[in-house]
């Protein structure tokens, strides 16, 4: 369990041993830094640029009452760590609010490890690199979701997430660097979606997500949320930070959909996003480690 004390400007004045273990950030690296200006420390909404009024710390300071929530901590290695947070206001001897204590603990991955129905007893369903479901398991689940949709009409969406330039990345840094980045993408996707959603590796450089009870109006906002989350991600490799662009396509299931038709629409959406990324490369030189 981590403990963090912040003043009224949300500057960190205490950082416990537990906070160091959960985040990878040592005490001397964060003391005096502001959690609003430094979103790598913690953030109420995944992918947001600064904490809003719904942040548990902000609520505790504003209302003078304890506040709970689920937040995202950014680990020093670059990946996001979902945590449960409780913030308690701190008062001076005169009774005025002078800061807040934030207690956080990592959301245990036990539920996620079984989210794909592919626990350790079914290794044939698990991708060896990322630990998520493999293509065989993903195809089975998507076909079952289509059958359930025809019977009960519970809407769902699919997302294709493609890691661009992965082959070049491996050629420059080695196969293990590529695997490390894929694992980072997998962890980020797991933190972005509900434990009832299904996430797996679809091809060498693509992930497939089957998001349950998904509506049309949420499709674009979820794509943007994933894009912003992944845009911040990177791996530390031999003392340098490296990242790759990621393209995201999505499609909502339709009544007349077949397995092939639904994936075709998702691929078309992905192709549009990938072409946009390629256009950015033409417009300007690629920066190393960006």
C-alpha atoms as a PDB file:
ATOM      1  CA  UNK A   1       0.000   0.000   0.000  1.00  0.00           C
ATOM      2  CA  UNK A   2       1.302   3.413  -0.947  1.00  0.00           C
ATOM      3  CA  UNK A   3       0.879   6.633   1.032  1.00  0.00           C
ATOM      4  CA  UNK A   4       1.309  10.096  -0.444  1.00  0.00           C
ATOM      5  CA  UNK A   5       0.808  13.452   1.308  1.00  0.00           C
ATOM      6  CA  UNK A   6       0.091  16.545  -0.798  1.00  0.00           C
ATOM      7  CA  UNK A   7      -0.214  20.235   0.060  1.00  0.00           C
ATOM      8  CA  UNK A   8      -2.949  22.540  -1.259  1.00  0.00           C
ATOM      9  CA  UNK A   9      -1.006  23.061  -4.520  1.00  0.00           C
ATOM     10  CA  UNK A  10      -0.944  19.260  -4.895  1.00  0.00           C
ATOM     11  CA  UNK A  11       2.810  19.185  -4.400  1.00  0.00           C
ATOM     12  CA  UNK A  12       4.029  15.913  -2.942  1.00  0.00           C
ATOM     13  CA  UNK A  13       5.522  16.316   0.526  1.00  0.00           C
ATOM     14  CA  UNK A  14       5.640  12.646   1.596  1.00  0.00           C
ATOM     15  CA  UNK A  15       6.136   9.463  -0.438  1.00  0.00           C
ATOM     16  CA  UNK A  16       6.129   6.137   1.383  1.00  0.00           C
ATOM     17  CA  UNK A  17       8.109   2.953   0.767  1.00  0.00           C
ATOM     18  CA  UNK A  18       4.937   1.340  -0.545  1.00  0.00           C
ATOM     19  CA  UNK A  19       4.490   4.172  -3.034  1.00  0.00           C
ATOM     20  CA  UNK A  20       8.029   3.547  -4.261  1.00  0.00           C
ATOM     21  CA  UNK A  21       7.329  -0.163  -4.737  1.00  0.00           C
ATOM     22  CA  UNK A  22       4.038   0.353  -6.613  1.00  0.00           C
ATOM     23  CA  UNK A  23       5.224   3.142  -8.938  1.00  0.00           C
ATOM     24  CA  UNK A  24       8.967   2.593  -9.304  1.00  0.00           C
ATOM     25  CA  UNK A  25       9.503   6.295  -8.482  1.00  0.00           C
ATOM     26  CA  UNK A  26      11.876   6.842  -5.570  1.00  0.00           C
ATOM     27  CA  UNK A  27      11.172   9.366  -2.847  1.00  0.00           C
ATOM     28  CA  UNK A  28      13.791  11.886  -3.944  1.00  0.00           C
ATOM     29  CA  UNK A  29      12.396  11.811  -7.501  1.00  0.00           C
ATOM     30  CA  UNK A  30       8.901  12.972  -6.554  1.00  0.00           C
ATOM     31  CA  UNK A  31       9.115  15.075  -3.383  1.00  0.00           C
ATOM     32  CA  UNK A  32       8.211  18.667  -4.283  1.00  0.00           C
ATOM     33  CA  UNK A  33       6.694  17.764  -7.640  1.00  0.00           C
ATOM     34  CA  UNK A  34       3.102  18.647  -8.486  1.00  0.00           C
ATOM     35  CA  UNK A  35       0.796  15.792  -9.449  1.00  0.00           C
ATOM     36  CA  UNK A  36      -1.130  18.076 -11.842  1.00  0.00           C
ATOM     37  CA  UNK A  37       1.940  19.240 -13.766  1.00  0.00           C
ATOM     38  CA  UNK A  38       3.500  15.774 -13.611  1.00  0.00           C
ATOM     39  CA  UNK A  39       0.834  13.342 -14.916  1.00  0.00           C
ATOM     40  CA  UNK A  40       3.321  10.456 -14.708  1.00  0.00           C
ATOM     41  CA  UNK A  41       2.676  10.348 -10.966  1.00  0.00           C
ATOM     42  CA  UNK A  42      -1.042   9.794 -10.943  1.00  0.00           C
ATOM     43  CA  UNK A  43      -4.115  10.736 -12.882  1.00  0.00           C
ATOM     44  CA  UNK A  44      -7.843  10.376 -12.279  1.00  0.00           C
ATOM     45  CA  UNK A  45      -8.818   9.664 -15.880  1.00  0.00           C
ATOM     46  CA  UNK A  46      -6.643   7.393 -18.067  1.00  0.00           C
ATOM     47  CA  UNK A  47      -5.129   9.484 -20.833  1.00  0.00           C
ATOM     48  CA  UNK A  48      -6.100  12.899 -19.437  1.00  0.00           C
ATOM     49  CA  UNK A  49      -3.607  15.740 -19.373  1.00  0.00           C
ATOM     50  CA  UNK A  50      -4.307  16.948 -15.855  1.00  0.00           C
ATOM     51  CA  UNK A  51      -6.391  16.071 -12.843  1.00  0.00           C
ATOM     52  CA  UNK A  52      -9.891  17.520 -12.782  1.00  0.00           C
ATOM     53  CA  UNK A  53     -12.315  18.244 -10.001  1.00  0.00           C
ATOM     54  CA  UNK A  54     -13.344  14.569  -9.884  1.00  0.00           C
ATOM     55  CA  UNK A  55      -9.873  13.515  -8.744  1.00  0.00           C
ATOM     56  CA  UNK A  56     -10.211  11.993  -5.235  1.00  0.00           C
ATOM     57  CA  UNK A  57      -7.569  14.378  -3.877  1.00  0.00           C
ATOM     58  CA  UNK A  58      -9.369  17.398  -5.355  1.00  0.00           C
ATOM     59  CA  UNK A  59     -12.704  16.187  -3.960  1.00  0.00           C
ATOM     60  CA  UNK A  60     -11.247  15.619  -0.502  1.00  0.00           C
ATOM     61  CA  UNK A  61      -9.760  19.122  -0.401  1.00  0.00           C
ATOM     62  CA  UNK A  62     -12.888  20.779  -1.783  1.00  0.00           C
ATOM     63  CA  UNK A  63     -15.555  18.947   0.234  1.00  0.00           C
ATOM     64  CA  UNK A  64     -13.580  18.306   3.431  1.00  0.00           C
ATOM     65  CA  UNK A  65     -14.699  14.673   3.239  1.00  0.00           C
ATOM     66  CA  UNK A  66     -12.940  11.441   2.398  1.00  0.00           C
ATOM     67  CA  UNK A  67     -13.074  10.483  -1.295  1.00  0.00           C
ATOM     68  CA  UNK A  68     -12.585   7.169  -3.068  1.00  0.00           C
ATOM     69  CA  UNK A  69     -11.888   6.253  -6.649  1.00  0.00           C
ATOM     70  CA  UNK A  70     -10.013   4.135  -9.143  1.00  0.00           C
ATOM     71  CA  UNK A  71      -7.080   5.951 -10.693  1.00  0.00           C
ATOM     72  CA  UNK A  72      -4.061   5.347 -12.854  1.00  0.00           C
ATOM     73  CA  UNK A  73      -0.485   5.569 -11.616  1.00  0.00           C
ATOM     74  CA  UNK A  74       2.272   5.820 -14.183  1.00  0.00           C
ATOM     75  CA  UNK A  75       5.075   3.412 -13.367  1.00  0.00           C
ATOM     76  CA  UNK A  76       8.619   4.636 -13.880  1.00  0.00           C
ATOM     77  CA  UNK A  77       9.156   1.977 -16.576  1.00  0.00           C
ATOM     78  CA  UNK A  78       6.335   3.539 -18.610  1.00  0.00           C
ATOM     79  CA  UNK A  79       3.283   1.325 -18.126  1.00  0.00           C
ATOM     80  CA  UNK A  80       0.093   2.276 -16.335  1.00  0.00           C
ATOM     81  CA  UNK A  81      -0.879   0.717 -12.998  1.00  0.00           C
ATOM     82  CA  UNK A  82      -4.577   0.800 -12.029  1.00  0.00           C
ATOM     83  CA  UNK A  83      -5.017   1.514  -8.332  1.00  0.00           C
ATOM     84  CA  UNK A  84      -7.764   2.000  -5.783  1.00  0.00           C
ATOM     85  CA  UNK A  85      -7.402   5.381  -4.100  1.00  0.00           C
ATOM     86  CA  UNK A  86      -8.702   6.860  -0.871  1.00  0.00           C
ATOM     87  CA  UNK A  87      -8.012  10.530  -0.166  1.00  0.00           C
ATOM     88  CA  UNK A  88      -8.460  12.096   3.280  1.00  0.00           C
ATOM     89  CA  UNK A  89      -8.261  15.864   3.924  1.00  0.00           C
ATOM     90  CA  UNK A  90      -5.595  17.122   6.327  1.00  0.00           C
ATOM     91  CA  UNK A  91      -6.490  19.966   8.697  1.00  0.00           C
ATOM     92  CA  UNK A  92      -4.347  22.454  10.541  1.00  0.00           C
ATOM     93  CA  UNK A  93      -4.670  23.015  14.278  1.00  0.00           C
ATOM     94  CA  UNK A  94      -7.193  25.763  13.422  1.00  0.00           C
ATOM     95  CA  UNK A  95      -9.374  23.374  11.431  1.00  0.00           C
ATOM     96  CA  UNK A  96      -8.607  24.653   7.941  1.00  0.00           C
ATOM     97  CA  UNK A  97      -7.735  22.254   5.093  1.00  0.00           C
ATOM     98  CA  UNK A  98      -3.989  22.308   4.391  1.00  0.00           C
ATOM     99  CA  UNK A  99      -3.615  19.253   2.159  1.00  0.00           C
ATOM    100  CA  UNK A 100      -4.599  15.638   1.741  1.00  0.00           C
ATOM    101  CA  UNK A 101      -3.332  12.132   2.400  1.00  0.00           C
ATOM    102  CA  UNK A 102      -3.753   9.742  -0.508  1.00  0.00           C
ATOM    103  CA  UNK A 103      -3.613   6.002   0.174  1.00  0.00           C
ATOM    104  CA  UNK A 104      -3.472   3.715  -2.861  1.00  0.00           C
ATOM    105  CA  UNK A 105      -3.106   0.023  -3.574  1.00  0.00           C
ATOM    106  CA  UNK A 106      -2.691  -1.762  -6.861  1.00  0.00           C
ATOM    107  CA  UNK A 107      -5.781  -3.383  -8.347  1.00  0.00           C
ATOM    108  CA  UNK A 108      -4.751  -7.014  -8.293  1.00  0.00           C
ATOM    109  CA  UNK A 109      -4.569  -8.573 -11.760  1.00  0.00           C
ATOM    110  CA  UNK A 110      -6.179 -11.857 -10.670  1.00  0.00           C
ATOM    111  CA  UNK A 111      -9.470 -10.983 -12.328  1.00  0.00           C
ATOM    112  CA  UNK A 112      -7.718  -9.892 -15.492  1.00  0.00           C
ATOM    113  CA  UNK A 113      -5.577 -12.984 -15.710  1.00  0.00           C
ATOM    114  CA  UNK A 114      -8.757 -14.979 -16.178  1.00  0.00           C
ATOM    115  CA  UNK A 115     -10.662 -12.382 -18.190  1.00  0.00           C
ATOM    116  CA  UNK A 116     -10.003 -14.252 -21.420  1.00  0.00           C
ATOM    117  CA  UNK A 117     -11.077 -17.612 -20.072  1.00  0.00           C
ATOM    118  CA  UNK A 118      -7.568 -18.838 -20.742  1.00  0.00           C
ATOM    119  CA  UNK A 119      -5.914 -19.469 -17.401  1.00  0.00           C
ATOM    120  CA  UNK A 120      -2.755 -21.423 -16.804  1.00  0.00           C
ATOM    121  CA  UNK A 121      -4.673 -24.668 -17.228  1.00  0.00           C
ATOM    122  CA  UNK A 122      -5.306 -23.754 -20.915  1.00  0.00           C
ATOM    123  CA  UNK A 123      -1.913 -22.663 -22.286  1.00  0.00           C
ATOM    124  CA  UNK A 124      -3.054 -23.366 -25.846  1.00  0.00           C
ATOM    125  CA  UNK A 125      -5.281 -20.269 -25.602  1.00  0.00           C
ATOM    126  CA  UNK A 126      -2.526 -17.913 -24.383  1.00  0.00           C
ATOM    127  CA  UNK A 127      -0.126 -15.802 -26.434  1.00  0.00           C
ATOM    128  CA  UNK A 128       3.384 -16.672 -25.251  1.00  0.00           C
ATOM    129  CA  UNK A 129       4.758 -13.134 -25.626  1.00  0.00           C
ATOM    130  CA  UNK A 130       2.053 -10.955 -24.068  1.00  0.00           C
ATOM    131  CA  UNK A 131       0.184 -13.385 -21.823  1.00  0.00           C
ATOM    132  CA  UNK A 132      -3.123 -12.302 -23.375  1.00  0.00           C
ATOM    133  CA  UNK A 133      -5.433 -14.548 -25.408  1.00  0.00           C
ATOM    134  CA  UNK A 134      -4.012 -15.780 -28.707  1.00  0.00           C
ATOM    135  CA  UNK A 135      -5.715 -15.574 -32.097  1.00  0.00           C
ATOM    136  CA  UNK A 136      -7.396 -18.967 -31.676  1.00  0.00           C
ATOM    137  CA  UNK A 137      -9.014 -17.906 -28.390  1.00  0.00           C
ATOM    138  CA  UNK A 138      -9.995 -14.502 -29.793  1.00  0.00           C
ATOM    139  CA  UNK A 139     -11.702 -16.015 -32.817  1.00  0.00           C
ATOM    140  CA  UNK A 140     -13.662 -18.428 -30.615  1.00  0.00           C
ATOM    141  CA  UNK A 141     -14.818 -15.634 -28.347  1.00  0.00           C
ATOM    142  CA  UNK A 142     -15.805 -13.312 -31.203  1.00  0.00           C
ATOM    143  CA  UNK A 143     -17.888 -16.031 -32.846  1.00  0.00           C
ATOM    144  CA  UNK A 144     -19.622 -16.734 -29.516  1.00  0.00           C
ATOM    145  CA  UNK A 145     -20.275 -12.998 -29.071  1.00  0.00           C
ATOM    146  CA  UNK A 146     -21.943 -12.876 -32.484  1.00  0.00           C
ATOM    147  CA  UNK A 147     -24.197 -15.798 -31.564  1.00  0.00           C
ATOM    148  CA  UNK A 148     -25.158 -14.117 -28.284  1.00  0.00           C
ATOM    149  CA  UNK A 149     -25.884 -10.871 -30.124  1.00  0.00           C
ATOM    150  CA  UNK A 150     -28.266 -12.608 -32.513  1.00  0.00           C
ATOM    151  CA  UNK A 151     -30.073 -14.247 -29.586  1.00  0.00           C
ATOM    152  CA  UNK A 152     -30.183 -11.371 -27.058  1.00  0.00           C
ATOM    153  CA  UNK A 153     -29.123  -8.287 -29.082  1.00  0.00           C
ATOM    154  CA  UNK A 154     -26.624  -7.100 -26.486  1.00  0.00           C
ATOM    155  CA  UNK A 155     -24.421  -4.662 -28.460  1.00  0.00           C
ATOM    156  CA  UNK A 156     -20.654  -4.960 -28.525  1.00  0.00           C
ATOM    157  CA  UNK A 157     -17.750  -3.422 -30.398  1.00  0.00           C
ATOM    158  CA  UNK A 158     -14.427  -4.632 -31.707  1.00  0.00           C
ATOM    159  CA  UNK A 159     -11.167  -2.710 -31.816  1.00  0.00           C
ATOM    160  CA  UNK A 160      -8.066  -3.520 -33.831  1.00  0.00           C
ATOM    161  CA  UNK A 161      -4.899  -1.969 -32.415  1.00  0.00           C
ATOM    162  CA  UNK A 162      -1.865  -2.092 -34.682  1.00  0.00           C
ATOM    163  CA  UNK A 163       1.700  -1.351 -33.577  1.00  0.00           C
ATOM    164  CA  UNK A 164       3.308   0.461 -36.497  1.00  0.00           C
ATOM    165  CA  UNK A 165       6.938  -0.075 -37.574  1.00  0.00           C
ATOM    166  CA  UNK A 166       7.389  -3.087 -35.292  1.00  0.00           C
ATOM    167  CA  UNK A 167       9.678  -4.899 -37.751  1.00  0.00           C
ATOM    168  CA  UNK A 168      12.031  -1.903 -37.965  1.00  0.00           C
ATOM    169  CA  UNK A 169      11.919  -1.563 -34.180  1.00  0.00           C
ATOM    170  CA  UNK A 170      13.042  -5.185 -33.791  1.00  0.00           C
ATOM    171  CA  UNK A 171      15.744  -4.779 -36.424  1.00  0.00           C
ATOM    172  CA  UNK A 172      17.190  -1.771 -34.600  1.00  0.00           C
ATOM    173  CA  UNK A 173      16.820  -2.850 -30.966  1.00  0.00           C
ATOM    174  CA  UNK A 174      16.364  -6.625 -31.065  1.00  0.00           C
ATOM    175  CA  UNK A 175      13.499  -9.087 -30.715  1.00  0.00           C
ATOM    176  CA  UNK A 176      13.254  -8.779 -26.919  1.00  0.00           C
ATOM    177  CA  UNK A 177      12.732  -5.004 -27.183  1.00  0.00           C
ATOM    178  CA  UNK A 178       9.861  -5.654 -29.566  1.00  0.00           C
ATOM    179  CA  UNK A 179       8.370  -8.201 -27.172  1.00  0.00           C
ATOM    180  CA  UNK A 180       8.729  -5.776 -24.269  1.00  0.00           C
ATOM    181  CA  UNK A 181       6.832  -3.100 -26.172  1.00  0.00           C
ATOM    182  CA  UNK A 182       4.067  -5.553 -27.109  1.00  0.00           C
ATOM    183  CA  UNK A 183       3.681  -6.493 -23.440  1.00  0.00           C
ATOM    184  CA  UNK A 184       3.437  -2.801 -22.602  1.00  0.00           C
ATOM    185  CA  UNK A 185       0.635  -2.335 -25.152  1.00  0.00           C
ATOM    186  CA  UNK A 186      -1.164  -5.385 -23.756  1.00  0.00           C
ATOM    187  CA  UNK A 187      -1.021  -4.046 -20.179  1.00  0.00           C
ATOM    188  CA  UNK A 188      -2.273  -0.639 -21.307  1.00  0.00           C
ATOM    189  CA  UNK A 189      -5.220  -2.161 -23.148  1.00  0.00           C
ATOM    190  CA  UNK A 190      -6.087  -4.252 -20.083  1.00  0.00           C
ATOM    191  CA  UNK A 191      -6.175  -1.119 -17.940  1.00  0.00           C
ATOM    192  CA  UNK A 192      -8.304   0.730 -20.512  1.00  0.00           C
ATOM    193  CA  UNK A 193     -11.083  -1.835 -20.758  1.00  0.00           C
ATOM    194  CA  UNK A 194     -13.386  -3.549 -18.299  1.00  0.00           C
ATOM    195  CA  UNK A 195     -12.600  -6.970 -16.871  1.00  0.00           C
ATOM    196  CA  UNK A 196     -15.613  -8.276 -18.829  1.00  0.00           C
ATOM    197  CA  UNK A 197     -14.014  -7.273 -22.137  1.00  0.00           C
ATOM    198  CA  UNK A 198     -11.846  -9.674 -24.124  1.00  0.00           C
ATOM    199  CA  UNK A 199      -8.324  -8.695 -25.181  1.00  0.00           C
ATOM    200  CA  UNK A 200      -5.809 -10.707 -27.178  1.00  0.00           C
ATOM    201  CA  UNK A 201      -3.054 -10.700 -29.731  1.00  0.00           C
ATOM    202  CA  UNK A 202      -4.534 -11.066 -33.207  1.00  0.00           C
ATOM    203  CA  UNK A 203      -1.473 -11.020 -35.480  1.00  0.00           C
ATOM    204  CA  UNK A 204       2.219 -10.323 -34.961  1.00  0.00           C
ATOM    205  CA  UNK A 205       1.672  -6.558 -34.685  1.00  0.00           C
ATOM    206  CA  UNK A 206      -2.065  -6.354 -33.910  1.00  0.00           C
ATOM    207  CA  UNK A 207      -4.302  -6.718 -30.874  1.00  0.00           C
ATOM    208  CA  UNK A 208      -8.026  -7.405 -30.991  1.00  0.00           C
ATOM    209  CA  UNK A 209     -10.454  -6.202 -28.325  1.00  0.00           C
ATOM    210  CA  UNK A 210     -14.057  -7.370 -28.031  1.00  0.00           C
ATOM    211  CA  UNK A 211     -15.786  -4.788 -25.818  1.00  0.00           C
ATOM    212  CA  UNK A 212     -19.118  -5.921 -24.369  1.00  0.00           C
ATOM    213  CA  UNK A 213     -22.276  -3.782 -24.164  1.00  0.00           C
ATOM    214  CA  UNK A 214     -20.752  -1.112 -26.382  1.00  0.00           C
ATOM    215  CA  UNK A 215     -22.786   1.660 -28.033  1.00  0.00           C
ATOM    216  CA  UNK A 216     -22.127   3.600 -31.247  1.00  0.00           C
ATOM    217  CA  UNK A 217     -21.609   6.940 -29.501  1.00  0.00           C
ATOM    218  CA  UNK A 218     -18.817   5.439 -27.371  1.00  0.00           C
ATOM    219  CA  UNK A 219     -16.795   4.074 -30.293  1.00  0.00           C
ATOM    220  CA  UNK A 220     -14.869   7.203 -31.269  1.00  0.00           C
ATOM    221  CA  UNK A 221     -14.336   8.353 -27.679  1.00  0.00           C
ATOM    222  CA  UNK A 222     -12.891   4.956 -26.732  1.00  0.00           C
ATOM    223  CA  UNK A 223     -10.579   4.991 -29.760  1.00  0.00           C
ATOM    224  CA  UNK A 224      -9.339   8.424 -28.724  1.00  0.00           C
ATOM    225  CA  UNK A 225      -8.886   7.299 -25.125  1.00  0.00           C
ATOM    226  CA  UNK A 226      -6.791   4.316 -26.203  1.00  0.00           C
ATOM    227  CA  UNK A 227      -4.779   6.475 -28.601  1.00  0.00           C
ATOM    228  CA  UNK A 228      -3.936   9.001 -25.886  1.00  0.00           C
ATOM    229  CA  UNK A 229      -3.012   6.305 -23.385  1.00  0.00           C
ATOM    230  CA  UNK A 230      -0.704   4.542 -25.842  1.00  0.00           C
ATOM    231  CA  UNK A 231       0.816   7.820 -27.063  1.00  0.00           C
ATOM    232  CA  UNK A 232       2.373   8.233 -23.623  1.00  0.00           C
ATOM    233  CA  UNK A 233       3.770   4.729 -23.456  1.00  0.00           C
ATOM    234  CA  UNK A 234       7.355   3.692 -24.074  1.00  0.00           C
ATOM    235  CA  UNK A 235      10.023   1.321 -22.854  1.00  0.00           C
ATOM    236  CA  UNK A 236      13.395   2.071 -21.334  1.00  0.00           C
ATOM    237  CA  UNK A 237      16.016   0.201 -23.362  1.00  0.00           C
ATOM    238  CA  UNK A 238      19.737   0.584 -22.690  1.00  0.00           C
ATOM    239  CA  UNK A 239      19.228   3.922 -21.021  1.00  0.00           C
ATOM    240  CA  UNK A 240      16.964   5.417 -23.706  1.00  0.00           C
ATOM    241  CA  UNK A 241      13.209   5.690 -23.994  1.00  0.00           C
ATOM    242  CA  UNK A 242      11.644   4.230 -27.130  1.00  0.00           C
ATOM    243  CA  UNK A 243       8.068   4.147 -28.374  1.00  0.00           C
ATOM    244  CA  UNK A 244       6.137   3.347 -31.528  1.00  0.00           C
ATOM    245  CA  UNK A 245       3.059   4.873 -33.180  1.00  0.00           C
ATOM    246  CA  UNK A 246      -0.149   2.886 -32.844  1.00  0.00           C
ATOM    247  CA  UNK A 247      -3.161   2.859 -35.189  1.00  0.00           C
ATOM    248  CA  UNK A 248      -6.650   1.984 -33.927  1.00  0.00           C
ATOM    249  CA  UNK A 249      -9.696   0.823 -35.867  1.00  0.00           C
ATOM    250  CA  UNK A 250     -13.109   0.030 -34.507  1.00  0.00           C
ATOM    251  CA  UNK A 251     -16.528  -1.261 -35.509  1.00  0.00           C
ATOM    252  CA  UNK A 252     -19.843  -1.826 -33.756  1.00  0.00           C
ATOM    253  CA  UNK A 253     -21.702  -5.060 -34.409  1.00  0.00           C
ATOM    254  CA  UNK A 254     -24.744  -4.898 -36.735  1.00  0.00           C
ATOM    255  CA  UNK A 255     -27.708  -7.217 -36.886  1.00  0.00           C
ATOM    256  CA  UNK A 256     -26.738  -8.678 -40.275  1.00  0.00           C
ATOM    257  CA  UNK A 257     -23.044  -9.070 -39.424  1.00  0.00           C
ATOM    258  CA  UNK A 258     -21.061 -12.199 -40.063  1.00  0.00           C
ATOM    259  CA  UNK A 259     -17.681 -12.848 -38.447  1.00  0.00           C
ATOM    260  CA  UNK A 260     -15.939 -11.766 -41.666  1.00  0.00           C
ATOM    261  CA  UNK A 261     -18.088  -8.669 -42.233  1.00  0.00           C
ATOM    262  CA  UNK A 262     -17.530  -7.297 -38.732  1.00  0.00           C
ATOM    263  CA  UNK A 263     -13.768  -7.775 -38.935  1.00  0.00           C
ATOM    264  CA  UNK A 264     -13.698  -6.271 -42.437  1.00  0.00           C
ATOM    265  CA  UNK A 265     -15.240  -3.032 -41.154  1.00  0.00           C
ATOM    266  CA  UNK A 266     -12.763  -2.933 -38.282  1.00  0.00           C
ATOM    267  CA  UNK A 267      -9.901  -3.487 -40.767  1.00  0.00           C
ATOM    268  CA  UNK A 268     -11.188  -0.672 -42.987  1.00  0.00           C
ATOM    269  CA  UNK A 269     -11.267   1.653 -40.010  1.00  0.00           C
ATOM    270  CA  UNK A 270      -7.748   0.536 -39.065  1.00  0.00           C
ATOM    271  CA  UNK A 271      -6.490   1.119 -42.615  1.00  0.00           C
ATOM    272  CA  UNK A 272      -7.746   4.706 -42.487  1.00  0.00           C
ATOM    273  CA  UNK A 273      -5.972   5.298 -39.176  1.00  0.00           C
ATOM    274  CA  UNK A 274      -2.784   3.616 -40.422  1.00  0.00           C
ATOM    275  CA  UNK A 275      -2.790   5.744 -43.591  1.00  0.00           C
ATOM    276  CA  UNK A 276      -3.066   8.846 -41.434  1.00  0.00           C
ATOM    277  CA  UNK A 277       0.001   7.755 -39.431  1.00  0.00           C
ATOM    278  CA  UNK A 278       1.878   7.114 -42.688  1.00  0.00           C
ATOM    279  CA  UNK A 279       0.923  10.615 -43.860  1.00  0.00           C
ATOM    280  CA  UNK A 280       2.477  12.109 -40.754  1.00  0.00           C
ATOM    281  CA  UNK A 281       5.743  10.292 -41.556  1.00  0.00           C
ATOM    282  CA  UNK A 282       5.739  11.779 -45.049  1.00  0.00           C
ATOM    283  CA  UNK A 283       5.007  15.241 -43.708  1.00  0.00           C
ATOM    284  CA  UNK A 284       7.927  15.240 -41.300  1.00  0.00           C
ATOM    285  CA  UNK A 285      11.039  13.269 -40.336  1.00  0.00           C
ATOM    286  CA  UNK A 286      10.729  10.603 -37.683  1.00  0.00           C
ATOM    287  CA  UNK A 287      12.528  11.445 -34.466  1.00  0.00           C
ATOM    288  CA  UNK A 288      14.552   8.701 -32.839  1.00  0.00           C
ATOM    289  CA  UNK A 289      13.034   7.250 -29.711  1.00  0.00           C
ATOM    290  CA  UNK A 290       9.756   9.137 -30.251  1.00  0.00           C
END
